[in-house]
Amino acid sequence: MSIVRMPILIALLAAISLRAESPAEQKVREAIKTPDLTVIHLWAPWCSNCQAELKSGGWAKIVRENPNVKFWFVSVWNDGQDGRAMLKKFDIVDQSNVTVLADPGPRRGESKIKQFAGLPLAWIQWSHKGEPSIEQPLHD
């Protein structure tokens, strides 16, 4: 890499890392600073894995059985919609220890977020051969 290109690369990396955090990211950062045990679940209502987790009843059970734990369901890659209707369908929304947020959208193509509160976003997808692979939204 030439010496001329190095400053450009550094400037681009700095710009990416300085992306303004969404209100949802700011609220999550504040929540995890508290002494409370807090679970942050990044999900999308259209995601089949997320739907399967809800249908199994696991989330509803763990939320109900742990009233002293704060659960934050943060919808990502969902055009700013929080998925509250789906969570309500599975008796999660009306729990006093649940907060539902959405990262604002749209986040498609080049503007799709690749991290949330400094953490990379990815998902696991099962291939047709039954082998898991990690998918990242780096190439839309």
N, C-alpha and C. Protein backbone atom coordinates (compact mmCIF):
# COMPACT_ATOMS: atom_id res chain seq x y z
N MET A 1 0.85 -1.17 0.00
CA MET A 1 0.00 0.00 0.00
C MET A 1 0.90 1.23 0.00
N SER A 2 0.55 2.18 -0.81
CA SER A 2 1.40 3.37 -0.90
C SER A 2 1.20 4.28 0.31
N ILE A 3 2.17 5.12 0.54
CA ILE A 3 2.13 6.06 1.66
C ILE A 3 0.97 7.03 1.50
N VAL A 4 0.62 7.37 0.27
CA VAL A 4 -0.48 8.30 0.00
C VAL A 4 -1.82 7.67 0.39
N ARG A 5 -1.99 6.39 0.15
CA ARG A 5 -3.26 5.72 0.45
C ARG A 5 -3.45 5.48 1.94
N MET A 6 -2.38 5.37 2.70
CA MET A 6 -2.48 5.07 4.12
C MET A 6 -3.32 6.11 4.87
N PRO A 7 -3.10 7.42 4.71
CA PRO A 7 -3.93 8.40 5.42
C PRO A 7 -5.41 8.31 5.04
N ILE A 8 -5.69 7.98 3.78
CA ILE A 8 -7.08 7.84 3.35
C ILE A 8 -7.72 6.66 4.07
N LEU A 9 -7.01 5.55 4.15
CA LEU A 9 -7.52 4.38 4.85
C LEU A 9 -7.76 4.68 6.33
N ILE A 10 -6.84 5.35 6.96
CA ILE A 10 -6.98 5.71 8.37
C ILE A 10 -8.19 6.61 8.57
N ALA A 11 -8.38 7.58 7.67
CA ALA A 11 -9.52 8.49 7.77
C ALA A 11 -10.84 7.73 7.61
N LEU A 12 -10.89 6.79 6.67
CA LEU A 12 -12.10 5.99 6.48
C LEU A 12 -12.41 5.14 7.71
N LEU A 13 -11.41 4.50 8.26
CA LEU A 13 -11.62 3.68 9.45
C LEU A 13 -12.09 4.54 10.63
N ALA A 14 -11.55 5.71 10.76
CA ALA A 14 -11.95 6.61 11.84
C ALA A 14 -13.40 7.04 11.64
N ALA A 15 -13.78 7.33 10.42
CA ALA A 15 -15.16 7.76 10.14
C ALA A 15 -16.15 6.64 10.46
N ILE A 16 -15.79 5.41 10.12
CA ILE A 16 -16.66 4.28 10.41
C ILE A 16 -16.82 4.10 11.91
N SER A 17 -15.72 4.21 12.65
CA SER A 17 -15.78 3.99 14.09
C SER A 17 -16.47 5.14 14.81
N LEU A 18 -16.58 6.31 14.18
CA LEU A 18 -17.22 7.46 14.81
C LEU A 18 -18.68 7.60 14.42
N ARG A 19 -19.26 6.60 13.82
CA ARG A 19 -20.67 6.63 13.44
C ARG A 19 -21.49 6.98 14.67
N ALA A 20 -22.40 7.89 14.50
CA ALA A 20 -23.25 8.30 15.61
C ALA A 20 -24.11 7.11 16.06
N GLU A 21 -24.14 6.89 17.35
CA GLU A 21 -24.96 5.80 17.87
C GLU A 21 -26.43 6.18 17.81
N SER A 22 -27.26 5.20 17.56
CA SER A 22 -28.70 5.41 17.53
C SER A 22 -29.21 5.61 18.96
N PRO A 23 -30.41 6.14 19.12
CA PRO A 23 -31.00 6.25 20.46
C PRO A 23 -31.09 4.89 21.16
N ALA A 24 -31.38 3.84 20.41
CA ALA A 24 -31.45 2.50 21.01
C ALA A 24 -30.09 2.09 21.57
N GLU A 25 -29.02 2.34 20.82
CA GLU A 25 -27.68 2.02 21.30
C GLU A 25 -27.35 2.81 22.56
N GLN A 26 -27.71 4.07 22.57
CA GLN A 26 -27.45 4.90 23.75
C GLN A 26 -28.19 4.37 24.97
N LYS A 27 -29.45 3.98 24.79
CA LYS A 27 -30.24 3.45 25.91
C LYS A 27 -29.66 2.13 26.41
N VAL A 28 -29.22 1.29 25.50
CA VAL A 28 -28.62 0.01 25.90
C VAL A 28 -27.33 0.25 26.67
N ARG A 29 -26.50 1.15 26.19
CA ARG A 29 -25.26 1.47 26.91
C ARG A 29 -25.55 1.94 28.33
N GLU A 30 -26.58 2.76 28.51
CA GLU A 30 -26.95 3.21 29.85
C GLU A 30 -27.46 2.05 30.70
N ALA A 31 -28.24 1.16 30.09
CA ALA A 31 -28.79 0.02 30.83
C ALA A 31 -27.70 -0.91 31.35
N ILE A 32 -26.67 -1.13 30.55
CA ILE A 32 -25.64 -2.07 30.99
C ILE A 32 -24.67 -1.46 31.99
N LYS A 33 -24.79 -0.16 32.21
CA LYS A 33 -23.97 0.49 33.24
C LYS A 33 -24.57 0.32 34.63
N THR A 34 -25.83 -0.06 34.70
CA THR A 34 -26.48 -0.22 36.00
C THR A 34 -26.00 -1.50 36.67
N PRO A 35 -26.17 -1.60 37.98
CA PRO A 35 -25.74 -2.82 38.67
C PRO A 35 -26.69 -4.01 38.44
N ASP A 36 -27.82 -3.76 37.80
CA ASP A 36 -28.78 -4.83 37.54
C ASP A 36 -28.23 -5.83 36.53
N LEU A 37 -28.61 -7.09 36.70
CA LEU A 37 -28.29 -8.09 35.69
C LEU A 37 -29.19 -7.80 34.50
N THR A 38 -28.59 -7.59 33.34
CA THR A 38 -29.32 -7.18 32.15
C THR A 38 -28.95 -8.06 30.97
N VAL A 39 -29.97 -8.56 30.27
CA VAL A 39 -29.77 -9.37 29.07
C VAL A 39 -30.21 -8.52 27.88
N ILE A 40 -29.32 -8.35 26.93
CA ILE A 40 -29.63 -7.61 25.71
C ILE A 40 -29.76 -8.63 24.58
N HIS A 41 -30.95 -8.70 23.99
CA HIS A 41 -31.19 -9.65 22.90
C HIS A 41 -31.38 -8.86 21.61
N LEU A 42 -30.41 -8.96 20.70
CA LEU A 42 -30.51 -8.33 19.38
C LEU A 42 -31.21 -9.34 18.46
N TRP A 43 -32.29 -8.93 17.85
CA TRP A 43 -33.10 -9.87 17.07
C TRP A 43 -33.80 -9.15 15.94
N ALA A 44 -34.44 -9.90 15.07
CA ALA A 44 -35.26 -9.34 14.00
C ALA A 44 -36.50 -10.22 13.84
N PRO A 45 -37.69 -9.64 13.80
CA PRO A 45 -38.91 -10.43 13.70
C PRO A 45 -38.99 -11.31 12.46
N TRP A 46 -38.32 -10.92 11.38
CA TRP A 46 -38.35 -11.70 10.14
C TRP A 46 -37.35 -12.86 10.15
N CYS A 47 -36.47 -12.91 11.14
CA CYS A 47 -35.43 -13.93 11.21
C CYS A 47 -36.02 -15.26 11.68
N SER A 48 -35.84 -16.30 10.91
CA SER A 48 -36.43 -17.60 11.26
C SER A 48 -35.85 -18.16 12.55
N ASN A 49 -34.57 -17.92 12.82
CA ASN A 49 -33.99 -18.39 14.09
C ASN A 49 -34.62 -17.66 15.27
N CYS A 50 -34.83 -16.36 15.13
CA CYS A 50 -35.46 -15.58 16.21
C CYS A 50 -36.90 -16.04 16.42
N GLN A 51 -37.61 -16.31 15.35
CA GLN A 51 -38.98 -16.81 15.45
C GLN A 51 -39.02 -18.15 16.17
N ALA A 52 -38.07 -19.04 15.84
CA ALA A 52 -38.02 -20.35 16.48
C ALA A 52 -37.77 -20.23 17.98
N GLU A 53 -36.91 -19.29 18.38
CA GLU A 53 -36.66 -19.07 19.81
C GLU A 53 -37.93 -18.64 20.53
N LEU A 54 -38.72 -17.80 19.88
CA LEU A 54 -39.96 -17.35 20.50
C LEU A 54 -40.99 -18.47 20.54
N LYS A 55 -41.13 -19.21 19.46
CA LYS A 55 -42.13 -20.28 19.38
C LYS A 55 -41.87 -21.39 20.38
N SER A 56 -40.61 -21.63 20.71
CA SER A 56 -40.29 -22.69 21.67
C SER A 56 -40.73 -22.33 23.09
N GLY A 57 -41.00 -21.04 23.32
CA GLY A 57 -41.42 -20.60 24.65
C GLY A 57 -40.28 -20.32 25.60
N GLY A 58 -39.06 -20.50 25.13
CA GLY A 58 -37.89 -20.31 25.99
C GLY A 58 -37.74 -18.90 26.52
N TRP A 59 -37.93 -17.92 25.64
CA TRP A 59 -37.78 -16.53 26.08
C TRP A 59 -38.86 -16.17 27.09
N ALA A 60 -40.10 -16.54 26.81
CA ALA A 60 -41.19 -16.21 27.73
C ALA A 60 -40.94 -16.84 29.10
N LYS A 61 -40.47 -18.07 29.10
CA LYS A 61 -40.22 -18.77 30.36
C LYS A 61 -39.08 -18.11 31.15
N ILE A 62 -37.99 -17.82 30.49
CA ILE A 62 -36.84 -17.25 31.20
C ILE A 62 -37.16 -15.85 31.72
N VAL A 63 -37.92 -15.07 30.96
CA VAL A 63 -38.31 -13.73 31.41
C VAL A 63 -39.23 -13.84 32.63
N ARG A 64 -40.20 -14.72 32.55
CA ARG A 64 -41.17 -14.91 33.64
C ARG A 64 -40.50 -15.43 34.91
N GLU A 65 -39.56 -16.35 34.77
CA GLU A 65 -38.92 -16.99 35.92
C GLU A 65 -37.80 -16.15 36.53
N ASN A 66 -37.46 -15.04 35.91
CA ASN A 66 -36.36 -14.19 36.39
C ASN A 66 -36.80 -12.73 36.48
N PRO A 67 -37.73 -12.43 37.38
CA PRO A 67 -38.26 -11.07 37.45
C PRO A 67 -37.23 -10.01 37.88
N ASN A 68 -36.13 -10.42 38.47
CA ASN A 68 -35.10 -9.46 38.88
C ASN A 68 -34.07 -9.18 37.79
N VAL A 69 -34.19 -9.86 36.68
CA VAL A 69 -33.29 -9.65 35.54
C VAL A 69 -34.01 -8.75 34.54
N LYS A 70 -33.29 -7.78 34.01
CA LYS A 70 -33.84 -6.87 32.99
C LYS A 70 -33.55 -7.46 31.62
N PHE A 71 -34.57 -7.57 30.79
CA PHE A 71 -34.43 -8.10 29.43
C PHE A 71 -34.74 -6.99 28.44
N TRP A 72 -33.82 -6.75 27.53
CA TRP A 72 -33.98 -5.76 26.48
C TRP A 72 -34.02 -6.49 25.15
N PHE A 73 -35.14 -6.40 24.45
CA PHE A 73 -35.28 -6.96 23.11
C PHE A 73 -35.10 -5.81 22.13
N VAL A 74 -33.99 -5.83 21.40
CA VAL A 74 -33.66 -4.74 20.48
C VAL A 74 -33.72 -5.28 19.06
N SER A 75 -34.70 -4.80 18.32
CA SER A 75 -34.86 -5.22 16.94
C SER A 75 -33.86 -4.47 16.06
N VAL A 76 -33.11 -5.22 15.26
CA VAL A 76 -32.15 -4.64 14.32
C VAL A 76 -32.50 -5.11 12.91
N TRP A 77 -32.04 -4.37 11.93
CA TRP A 77 -32.27 -4.70 10.52
C TRP A 77 -33.75 -4.90 10.22
N ASN A 78 -34.58 -4.05 10.81
CA ASN A 78 -36.03 -4.19 10.65
C ASN A 78 -36.69 -2.85 10.33
N ASP A 79 -35.99 -1.99 9.63
CA ASP A 79 -36.53 -0.71 9.18
C ASP A 79 -37.12 0.13 10.31
N GLY A 80 -36.51 0.06 11.48
CA GLY A 80 -36.96 0.87 12.60
C GLY A 80 -38.16 0.34 13.36
N GLN A 81 -38.69 -0.80 12.96
CA GLN A 81 -39.84 -1.40 13.65
C GLN A 81 -39.33 -2.25 14.80
N ASP A 82 -40.01 -2.20 15.94
CA ASP A 82 -39.50 -2.89 17.13
C ASP A 82 -39.95 -4.34 17.30
N GLY A 83 -40.87 -4.81 16.49
CA GLY A 83 -41.30 -6.21 16.59
C GLY A 83 -42.19 -6.49 17.79
N ARG A 84 -42.72 -5.43 18.40
CA ARG A 84 -43.53 -5.57 19.60
C ARG A 84 -44.72 -6.52 19.40
N ALA A 85 -45.35 -6.48 18.24
CA ALA A 85 -46.51 -7.34 17.99
C ALA A 85 -46.13 -8.82 18.11
N MET A 86 -44.98 -9.18 17.57
CA MET A 86 -44.56 -10.58 17.66
C MET A 86 -44.23 -10.95 19.11
N LEU A 87 -43.56 -10.07 19.82
CA LEU A 87 -43.23 -10.35 21.22
C LEU A 87 -44.50 -10.46 22.06
N LYS A 88 -45.49 -9.66 21.75
CA LYS A 88 -46.77 -9.72 22.47
C LYS A 88 -47.46 -11.06 22.23
N LYS A 89 -47.39 -11.53 21.01
CA LYS A 89 -47.98 -12.83 20.65
C LYS A 89 -47.42 -13.96 21.52
N PHE A 90 -46.18 -13.81 21.97
CA PHE A 90 -45.54 -14.85 22.77
C PHE A 90 -45.40 -14.45 24.25
N ASP A 91 -46.29 -13.53 24.69
CA ASP A 91 -46.39 -13.14 26.11
C ASP A 91 -45.08 -12.61 26.70
N ILE A 92 -44.38 -11.81 25.94
CA ILE A 92 -43.12 -11.25 26.43
C ILE A 92 -43.25 -9.76 26.73
N VAL A 93 -43.97 -9.04 25.92
CA VAL A 93 -44.04 -7.58 26.00
C VAL A 93 -44.56 -7.07 27.34
N ASP A 94 -45.57 -7.67 27.88
CA ASP A 94 -46.23 -7.12 29.07
C ASP A 94 -45.56 -7.50 30.38
N GLN A 95 -44.35 -7.99 30.34
CA GLN A 95 -43.61 -8.30 31.56
C GLN A 95 -42.95 -7.02 32.06
N SER A 96 -42.96 -6.82 33.37
CA SER A 96 -42.41 -5.57 33.93
C SER A 96 -40.89 -5.47 33.77
N ASN A 97 -40.21 -6.57 33.53
CA ASN A 97 -38.75 -6.56 33.40
C ASN A 97 -38.29 -6.57 31.94
N VAL A 98 -39.19 -6.22 31.02
CA VAL A 98 -38.87 -6.25 29.59
C VAL A 98 -38.94 -4.84 29.00
N THR A 99 -37.92 -4.50 28.22
CA THR A 99 -37.90 -3.27 27.44
C THR A 99 -37.76 -3.66 25.98
N VAL A 100 -38.54 -3.03 25.13
CA VAL A 100 -38.51 -3.31 23.70
C VAL A 100 -38.08 -2.04 22.97
N LEU A 101 -37.05 -2.18 22.15
CA LEU A 101 -36.51 -1.06 21.37
C LEU A 101 -36.27 -1.50 19.93
N ALA A 102 -36.09 -0.51 19.09
CA ALA A 102 -35.71 -0.79 17.70
C ALA A 102 -34.56 0.12 17.30
N ASP A 103 -33.60 -0.45 16.62
CA ASP A 103 -32.59 0.38 15.99
C ASP A 103 -33.28 1.00 14.78
N PRO A 104 -33.10 2.31 14.57
CA PRO A 104 -33.82 2.95 13.46
C PRO A 104 -33.35 2.44 12.11
N GLY A 105 -34.24 2.46 11.19
CA GLY A 105 -33.89 2.04 9.85
C GLY A 105 -34.16 3.17 8.89
N PRO A 106 -34.12 2.95 7.60
CA PRO A 106 -33.70 1.66 7.06
C PRO A 106 -32.19 1.46 7.18
N ARG A 107 -31.82 0.23 7.29
CA ARG A 107 -30.40 -0.11 7.38
C ARG A 107 -30.08 -1.16 6.31
N ARG A 108 -30.36 -0.82 5.08
CA ARG A 108 -30.11 -1.74 3.97
C ARG A 108 -28.90 -1.25 3.17
N GLY A 109 -28.31 -2.19 2.44
CA GLY A 109 -27.19 -1.82 1.58
C GLY A 109 -26.04 -1.23 2.37
N GLU A 110 -25.49 -0.18 1.87
CA GLU A 110 -24.34 0.45 2.52
C GLU A 110 -24.68 1.05 3.87
N SER A 111 -25.94 1.40 4.10
CA SER A 111 -26.31 2.04 5.37
C SER A 111 -26.73 1.03 6.44
N LYS A 112 -26.77 -0.25 6.10
CA LYS A 112 -27.12 -1.26 7.11
C LYS A 112 -26.03 -1.30 8.17
N ILE A 113 -26.44 -1.29 9.43
CA ILE A 113 -25.44 -1.28 10.50
C ILE A 113 -24.69 -2.60 10.53
N LYS A 114 -23.45 -2.51 10.89
CA LYS A 114 -22.59 -3.69 10.98
C LYS A 114 -22.16 -3.94 12.41
N GLN A 115 -22.56 -3.02 13.29
CA GLN A 115 -22.29 -3.20 14.71
C GLN A 115 -23.38 -2.48 15.50
N PHE A 116 -23.54 -2.89 16.74
CA PHE A 116 -24.51 -2.26 17.63
C PHE A 116 -23.80 -2.04 18.96
N ALA A 117 -23.73 -0.79 19.39
CA ALA A 117 -23.05 -0.43 20.64
C ALA A 117 -21.62 -0.97 20.67
N GLY A 118 -20.98 -0.95 19.51
CA GLY A 118 -19.59 -1.38 19.42
C GLY A 118 -19.38 -2.87 19.22
N LEU A 119 -20.46 -3.65 19.22
CA LEU A 119 -20.35 -5.09 19.02
C LEU A 119 -20.73 -5.44 17.59
N PRO A 120 -19.99 -6.36 16.96
CA PRO A 120 -20.32 -6.72 15.58
C PRO A 120 -21.65 -7.47 15.51
N LEU A 121 -22.39 -7.23 14.45
CA LEU A 121 -23.64 -7.95 14.22
C LEU A 121 -23.41 -9.03 13.19
N ALA A 122 -23.86 -10.21 13.48
CA ALA A 122 -23.76 -11.34 12.57
C ALA A 122 -24.89 -12.31 12.93
N TRP A 123 -25.09 -13.30 12.13
CA TRP A 123 -26.05 -14.33 12.47
C TRP A 123 -25.52 -15.66 11.97
N ILE A 124 -26.04 -16.73 12.58
CA ILE A 124 -25.62 -18.07 12.18
C ILE A 124 -26.69 -18.62 11.25
N GLN A 125 -26.25 -19.15 10.15
CA GLN A 125 -27.17 -19.69 9.17
C GLN A 125 -26.76 -21.14 8.89
N TRP A 126 -27.73 -22.02 8.87
CA TRP A 126 -27.43 -23.43 8.59
C TRP A 126 -27.44 -23.63 7.08
N SER A 127 -26.39 -24.23 6.57
CA SER A 127 -26.29 -24.47 5.13
C SER A 127 -27.16 -25.67 4.77
N HIS A 128 -27.32 -25.89 3.49
CA HIS A 128 -28.11 -27.03 3.03
C HIS A 128 -27.45 -28.36 3.41
N LYS A 129 -26.19 -28.32 3.78
CA LYS A 129 -25.48 -29.53 4.20
C LYS A 129 -25.56 -29.71 5.72
N GLY A 130 -26.26 -28.82 6.40
CA GLY A 130 -26.40 -28.93 7.83
C GLY A 130 -25.22 -28.39 8.62
N GLU A 131 -24.34 -27.65 7.95
CA GLU A 131 -23.18 -27.09 8.63
C GLU A 131 -23.43 -25.61 8.93
N PRO A 132 -23.14 -25.18 10.16
CA PRO A 132 -23.36 -23.76 10.48
C PRO A 132 -22.32 -22.88 9.81
N SER A 133 -22.74 -21.70 9.44
CA SER A 133 -21.80 -20.71 8.93
C SER A 133 -22.20 -19.36 9.50
N ILE A 134 -21.22 -18.54 9.79
CA ILE A 134 -21.52 -17.22 10.32
C ILE A 134 -21.62 -16.27 9.16
N GLU A 135 -22.72 -15.57 9.11
CA GLU A 135 -22.98 -14.60 8.04
C GLU A 135 -22.86 -13.21 8.63
N GLN A 136 -22.15 -12.35 7.94
CA GLN A 136 -22.06 -10.97 8.37
C GLN A 136 -22.54 -10.08 7.24
N PRO A 137 -23.20 -8.98 7.57
CA PRO A 137 -23.78 -8.11 6.54
C PRO A 137 -22.75 -7.16 5.93
N LEU A 138 -21.61 -7.67 5.59
CA LEU A 138 -20.57 -6.81 5.06
C LEU A 138 -20.68 -6.61 3.55
N HIS A 139 -21.35 -7.53 2.89
CA HIS A 139 -21.45 -7.44 1.43
C HIS A 139 -22.90 -7.59 1.02
N ASP A 140 -23.61 -6.49 0.89
CA ASP A 140 -25.02 -6.54 0.45
C ASP A 140 -25.10 -6.48 -1.04
